């Protein structure tokens, strides 16, 4: 979120499909699955914005 607020891209928002373990709100003990955060562009297309 800090990066998004700093860069202020012209976009609709961010999405994280599939609710991976370890992502915010999906904590399962110490388990953390890798996941991508996608930026939703104004035209509805997406691109990888961050990887965790």
PDB file of N, CA and C in Angstrom:
ATOM      1  N   UNK A   1       0.817  -1.179   0.000  1.00  0.00           N
ATOM      2  CA  UNK A   1       0.000   0.000   0.000  1.00  0.00           C
ATOM      3  C   UNK A   1       0.870   1.255   0.000  1.00  0.00           C
ATOM      4  N   UNK A   2       1.961   1.223   0.757  1.00  0.00           N
ATOM      5  CA  UNK A   2       2.827   2.402   0.786  1.00  0.00           C
ATOM      6  C   UNK A   2       3.362   2.718  -0.603  1.00  0.00           C
ATOM      7  N   UNK A   3       3.760   1.685  -1.345  1.00  0.00           N
ATOM      8  CA  UNK A   3       4.271   1.882  -2.704  1.00  0.00           C
ATOM      9  C   UNK A   3       3.184   2.469  -3.598  1.00  0.00           C
ATOM     10  N   UNK A   4       1.971   1.944  -3.498  1.00  0.00           N
ATOM     11  CA  UNK A   4       0.855   2.428  -4.303  1.00  0.00           C
ATOM     12  C   UNK A   4       0.582   3.903  -4.017  1.00  0.00           C
ATOM     13  N   UNK A   5       0.563   4.268  -2.757  1.00  0.00           N
ATOM     14  CA  UNK A   5       0.310   5.662  -2.389  1.00  0.00           C
ATOM     15  C   UNK A   5       1.441   6.585  -2.823  1.00  0.00           C
ATOM     16  N   UNK A   6       2.666   6.084  -2.801  1.00  0.00           N
ATOM     17  CA  UNK A   6       3.809   6.886  -3.217  1.00  0.00           C
ATOM     18  C   UNK A   6       3.838   7.088  -4.730  1.00  0.00           C
ATOM     19  N   UNK A   7       3.632   5.997  -5.488  1.00  0.00           N
ATOM     20  CA  UNK A   7       3.727   6.056  -6.950  1.00  0.00           C
ATOM     21  C   UNK A   7       2.477   6.638  -7.614  1.00  0.00           C
ATOM     22  N   UNK A   8       1.316   6.475  -6.983  1.00  0.00           N
ATOM     23  CA  UNK A   8       0.035   6.972  -7.494  1.00  0.00           C
ATOM     24  C   UNK A   8      -0.208   6.621  -8.963  1.00  0.00           C
ATOM     25  N   UNK A   9      -0.154   5.324  -9.286  1.00  0.00           N
ATOM     26  CA  UNK A   9      -0.408   4.938 -10.681  1.00  0.00           C
ATOM     27  C   UNK A   9      -1.877   5.179 -11.037  1.00  0.00           C
ATOM     28  N   UNK A  10      -2.133   5.442 -12.304  1.00  0.00           N
ATOM     29  CA  UNK A  10      -3.511   5.596 -12.766  1.00  0.00           C
ATOM     30  C   UNK A  10      -4.094   4.192 -12.883  1.00  0.00           C
ATOM     31  N   UNK A  11      -4.756   3.763 -11.835  1.00  0.00           N
ATOM     32  CA  UNK A  11      -5.269   2.400 -11.786  1.00  0.00           C
ATOM     33  C   UNK A  11      -6.552   2.368 -10.972  1.00  0.00           C
ATOM     34  N   UNK A  12      -7.270   1.277 -11.118  1.00  0.00           N
ATOM     35  CA  UNK A  12      -8.517   1.085 -10.359  1.00  0.00           C
ATOM     36  C   UNK A  12      -8.247   0.527  -8.969  1.00  0.00           C
ATOM     37  N   UNK A  13      -7.177  -0.264  -8.825  1.00  0.00           N
ATOM     38  CA  UNK A  13      -6.883  -0.842  -7.524  1.00  0.00           C
ATOM     39  C   UNK A  13      -5.939  -2.016  -7.613  1.00  0.00           C
ATOM     40  N   UNK A  14      -5.872  -2.751  -6.508  1.00  0.00           N
ATOM     41  CA  UNK A  14      -5.015  -3.924  -6.393  1.00  0.00           C
ATOM     42  C   UNK A  14      -5.871  -5.147  -6.113  1.00  0.00           C
ATOM     43  N   UNK A  15      -5.415  -6.301  -6.594  1.00  0.00           N
ATOM     44  CA  UNK A  15      -6.096  -7.560  -6.295  1.00  0.00           C
ATOM     45  C   UNK A  15      -5.071  -8.638  -5.986  1.00  0.00           C
ATOM     46  N   UNK A  16      -5.483  -9.586  -5.142  1.00  0.00           N
ATOM     47  CA  UNK A  16      -4.679 -10.774  -4.841  1.00  0.00           C
ATOM     48  C   UNK A  16      -5.626 -11.957  -4.985  1.00  0.00           C
ATOM     49  N   UNK A  17      -5.572 -12.658  -6.126  1.00  0.00           N
ATOM     50  CA  UNK A  17      -6.473 -13.788  -6.319  1.00  0.00           C
ATOM     51  C   UNK A  17      -6.133 -14.977  -5.429  1.00  0.00           C
ATOM     52  N   UNK A  18      -7.140 -15.740  -5.106  1.00  0.00           N
ATOM     53  CA  UNK A  18      -7.033 -17.036  -4.433  1.00  0.00           C
ATOM     54  C   UNK A  18      -6.785 -16.979  -2.930  1.00  0.00           C
ATOM     55  N   UNK A  19      -6.736 -15.832  -2.314  1.00  0.00           N
ATOM     56  CA  UNK A  19      -6.570 -15.697  -0.867  1.00  0.00           C
ATOM     57  C   UNK A  19      -5.463 -16.608  -0.324  1.00  0.00           C
ATOM     58  N   UNK A  20      -4.210 -16.414  -0.730  1.00  0.00           N
ATOM     59  CA  UNK A  20      -3.116 -17.293  -0.306  1.00  0.00           C
ATOM     60  C   UNK A  20      -2.817 -17.204   1.195  1.00  0.00           C
ATOM     61  N   UNK A  21      -2.420 -18.313   1.758  1.00  0.00           N
ATOM     62  CA  UNK A  21      -2.059 -18.361   3.178  1.00  0.00           C
ATOM     63  C   UNK A  21      -0.905 -17.404   3.448  1.00  0.00           C
ATOM     64  N   UNK A  22      -1.035 -16.632   4.535  1.00  0.00           N
ATOM     65  CA  UNK A  22       0.010 -15.694   4.912  1.00  0.00           C
ATOM     66  C   UNK A  22      -0.229 -14.283   4.401  1.00  0.00           C
ATOM     67  N   UNK A  23      -1.158 -14.115   3.454  1.00  0.00           N
ATOM     68  CA  UNK A  23      -1.477 -12.772   3.000  1.00  0.00           C
ATOM     69  C   UNK A  23      -2.322 -12.093   4.085  1.00  0.00           C
ATOM     70  N   UNK A  24      -2.406 -10.767   4.106  1.00  0.00           N
ATOM     71  CA  UNK A  24      -3.178 -10.073   5.149  1.00  0.00           C
ATOM     72  C   UNK A  24      -4.612 -10.606   5.253  1.00  0.00           C
ATOM     73  N   UNK A  25      -4.983 -11.003   6.443  1.00  0.00           N
ATOM     74  CA  UNK A  25      -6.304 -11.552   6.690  1.00  0.00           C
ATOM     75  C   UNK A  25      -6.401 -13.053   6.483  1.00  0.00           C
ATOM     76  N   UNK A  26      -5.347 -13.666   5.980  1.00  0.00           N
ATOM     77  CA  UNK A  26      -5.353 -15.111   5.721  1.00  0.00           C
ATOM     78  C   UNK A  26      -4.218 -15.817   6.467  1.00  0.00           C
ATOM     79  N   UNK A  27      -3.909 -15.328   7.644  1.00  0.00           N
ATOM     80  CA  UNK A  27      -2.830 -15.913   8.429  1.00  0.00           C
ATOM     81  C   UNK A  27      -3.227 -17.302   8.916  1.00  0.00           C
ATOM     82  N   UNK A  28      -2.301 -18.248   8.794  1.00  0.00           N
ATOM     83  CA  UNK A  28      -2.497 -19.621   9.275  1.00  0.00           C
ATOM     84  C   UNK A  28      -1.214 -20.004  10.003  1.00  0.00           C
ATOM     85  N   UNK A  29      -1.126 -19.643  11.271  1.00  0.00           N
ATOM     86  CA  UNK A  29       0.094 -19.907  12.021  1.00  0.00           C
ATOM     87  C   UNK A  29       1.285 -19.248  11.346  1.00  0.00           C
ATOM     88  N   UNK A  30       2.352 -20.001  11.145  1.00  0.00           N
ATOM     89  CA  UNK A  30       3.556 -19.474  10.494  1.00  0.00           C
ATOM     90  C   UNK A  30       3.583 -19.740   8.991  1.00  0.00           C
ATOM     91  N   UNK A  31       2.542 -20.354   8.461  1.00  0.00           N
ATOM     92  CA  UNK A  31       2.507 -20.696   7.030  1.00  0.00           C
ATOM     93  C   UNK A  31       2.373 -19.438   6.178  1.00  0.00           C
ATOM     94  N   UNK A  32       3.228 -19.347   5.161  1.00  0.00           N
ATOM     95  CA  UNK A  32       3.183 -18.222   4.231  1.00  0.00           C
ATOM     96  C   UNK A  32       3.459 -18.734   2.828  1.00  0.00           C
ATOM     97  N   UNK A  33       2.444 -18.713   1.989  1.00  0.00           N
ATOM     98  CA  UNK A  33       2.596 -19.111   0.590  1.00  0.00           C
ATOM     99  C   UNK A  33       3.018 -17.900  -0.237  1.00  0.00           C
ATOM    100  N   UNK A  34       3.779 -18.141  -1.288  1.00  0.00           N
ATOM    101  CA  UNK A  34       4.154 -17.055  -2.204  1.00  0.00           C
ATOM    102  C   UNK A  34       2.909 -16.598  -2.962  1.00  0.00           C
ATOM    103  N   UNK A  35       2.831 -15.285  -3.238  1.00  0.00           N
ATOM    104  CA  UNK A  35       1.700 -14.784  -4.009  1.00  0.00           C
ATOM    105  C   UNK A  35       2.071 -13.498  -4.734  1.00  0.00           C
ATOM    106  N   UNK A  36       1.299 -13.208  -5.781  1.00  0.00           N
ATOM    107  CA  UNK A  36       1.480 -11.992  -6.568  1.00  0.00           C
ATOM    108  C   UNK A  36       0.347 -11.025  -6.265  1.00  0.00           C
ATOM    109  N   UNK A  37       0.672  -9.743  -6.273  1.00  0.00           N
ATOM    110  CA  UNK A  37      -0.317  -8.673  -6.165  1.00  0.00           C
ATOM    111  C   UNK A  37      -0.423  -8.055  -7.545  1.00  0.00           C
ATOM    112  N   UNK A  38      -1.650  -7.937  -8.057  1.00  0.00           N
ATOM    113  CA  UNK A  38      -1.863  -7.394  -9.393  1.00  0.00           C
ATOM    114  C   UNK A  38      -2.464  -6.002  -9.318  1.00  0.00           C
ATOM    115  N   UNK A  39      -1.997  -5.128 -10.198  1.00  0.00           N
ATOM    116  CA  UNK A  39      -2.545  -3.788 -10.355  1.00  0.00           C
ATOM    117  C   UNK A  39      -3.627  -3.873 -11.423  1.00  0.00           C
ATOM    118  N   UNK A  40      -4.812  -3.351 -11.131  1.00  0.00           N
ATOM    119  CA  UNK A  40      -5.894  -3.333 -12.108  1.00  0.00           C
ATOM    120  C   UNK A  40      -5.858  -1.971 -12.798  1.00  0.00           C
ATOM    121  N   UNK A  41      -5.554  -1.985 -14.083  1.00  0.00           N
ATOM    122  CA  UNK A  41      -5.448  -0.749 -14.860  1.00  0.00           C
ATOM    123  C   UNK A  41      -6.832  -0.171 -15.152  1.00  0.00           C
ATOM    124  N   UNK A  42      -6.854   1.071 -15.618  1.00  0.00           N
ATOM    125  CA  UNK A  42      -8.112   1.754 -15.930  1.00  0.00           C
ATOM    126  C   UNK A  42      -8.954   0.980 -16.938  1.00  0.00           C
ATOM    127  N   UNK A  43      -8.322   0.283 -17.873  1.00  0.00           N
ATOM    128  CA  UNK A  43      -9.067  -0.463 -18.904  1.00  0.00           C
ATOM    129  C   UNK A  43      -9.482  -1.859 -18.442  1.00  0.00           C
ATOM    130  N   UNK A  44      -9.195  -2.207 -17.182  1.00  0.00           N
ATOM    131  CA  UNK A  44      -9.573  -3.505 -16.638  1.00  0.00           C
ATOM    132  C   UNK A  44      -8.510  -4.581 -16.776  1.00  0.00           C
ATOM    133  N   UNK A  45      -7.455  -4.309 -17.545  1.00  0.00           N
ATOM    134  CA  UNK A  45      -6.356  -5.271 -17.651  1.00  0.00           C
ATOM    135  C   UNK A  45      -5.562  -5.264 -16.343  1.00  0.00           C
ATOM    136  N   UNK A  46      -4.743  -6.290 -16.154  1.00  0.00           N
ATOM    137  CA  UNK A  46      -3.938  -6.370 -14.933  1.00  0.00           C
ATOM    138  C   UNK A  46      -2.479  -6.593 -15.282  1.00  0.00           C
ATOM    139  N   UNK A  47      -1.623  -6.275 -14.310  1.00  0.00           N
ATOM    140  CA  UNK A  47      -0.198  -6.571 -14.419  1.00  0.00           C
ATOM    141  C   UNK A  47       0.325  -6.834 -13.017  1.00  0.00           C
ATOM    142  N   UNK A  48       1.375  -7.629 -12.937  1.00  0.00           N
ATOM    143  CA  UNK A  48       1.970  -7.920 -11.633  1.00  0.00           C
ATOM    144  C   UNK A  48       2.560  -6.643 -11.074  1.00  0.00           C
ATOM    145  N   UNK A  49       2.183  -6.312  -9.851  1.00  0.00           N
ATOM    146  CA  UNK A  49       2.647  -5.094  -9.193  1.00  0.00           C
ATOM    147  C   UNK A  49       3.680  -5.411  -8.105  1.00  0.00           C
ATOM    148  N   UNK A  50       3.504  -6.547  -7.430  1.00  0.00           N
ATOM    149  CA  UNK A  50       4.434  -6.950  -6.372  1.00  0.00           C
ATOM    150  C   UNK A  50       4.354  -8.460  -6.191  1.00  0.00           C
ATOM    151  N   UNK A  51       5.428  -9.024  -5.662  1.00  0.00           N
ATOM    152  CA  UNK A  51       5.465 -10.460  -5.366  1.00  0.00           C
ATOM    153  C   UNK A  51       5.942 -10.642  -3.926  1.00  0.00           C
ATOM    154  N   UNK A  52       5.277 -11.528  -3.229  1.00  0.00           N
ATOM    155  CA  UNK A  52       5.636 -11.818  -1.837  1.00  0.00           C
ATOM    156  C   UNK A  52       5.787 -13.305  -1.642  1.00  0.00           C
TER     157      UNK A  52
END
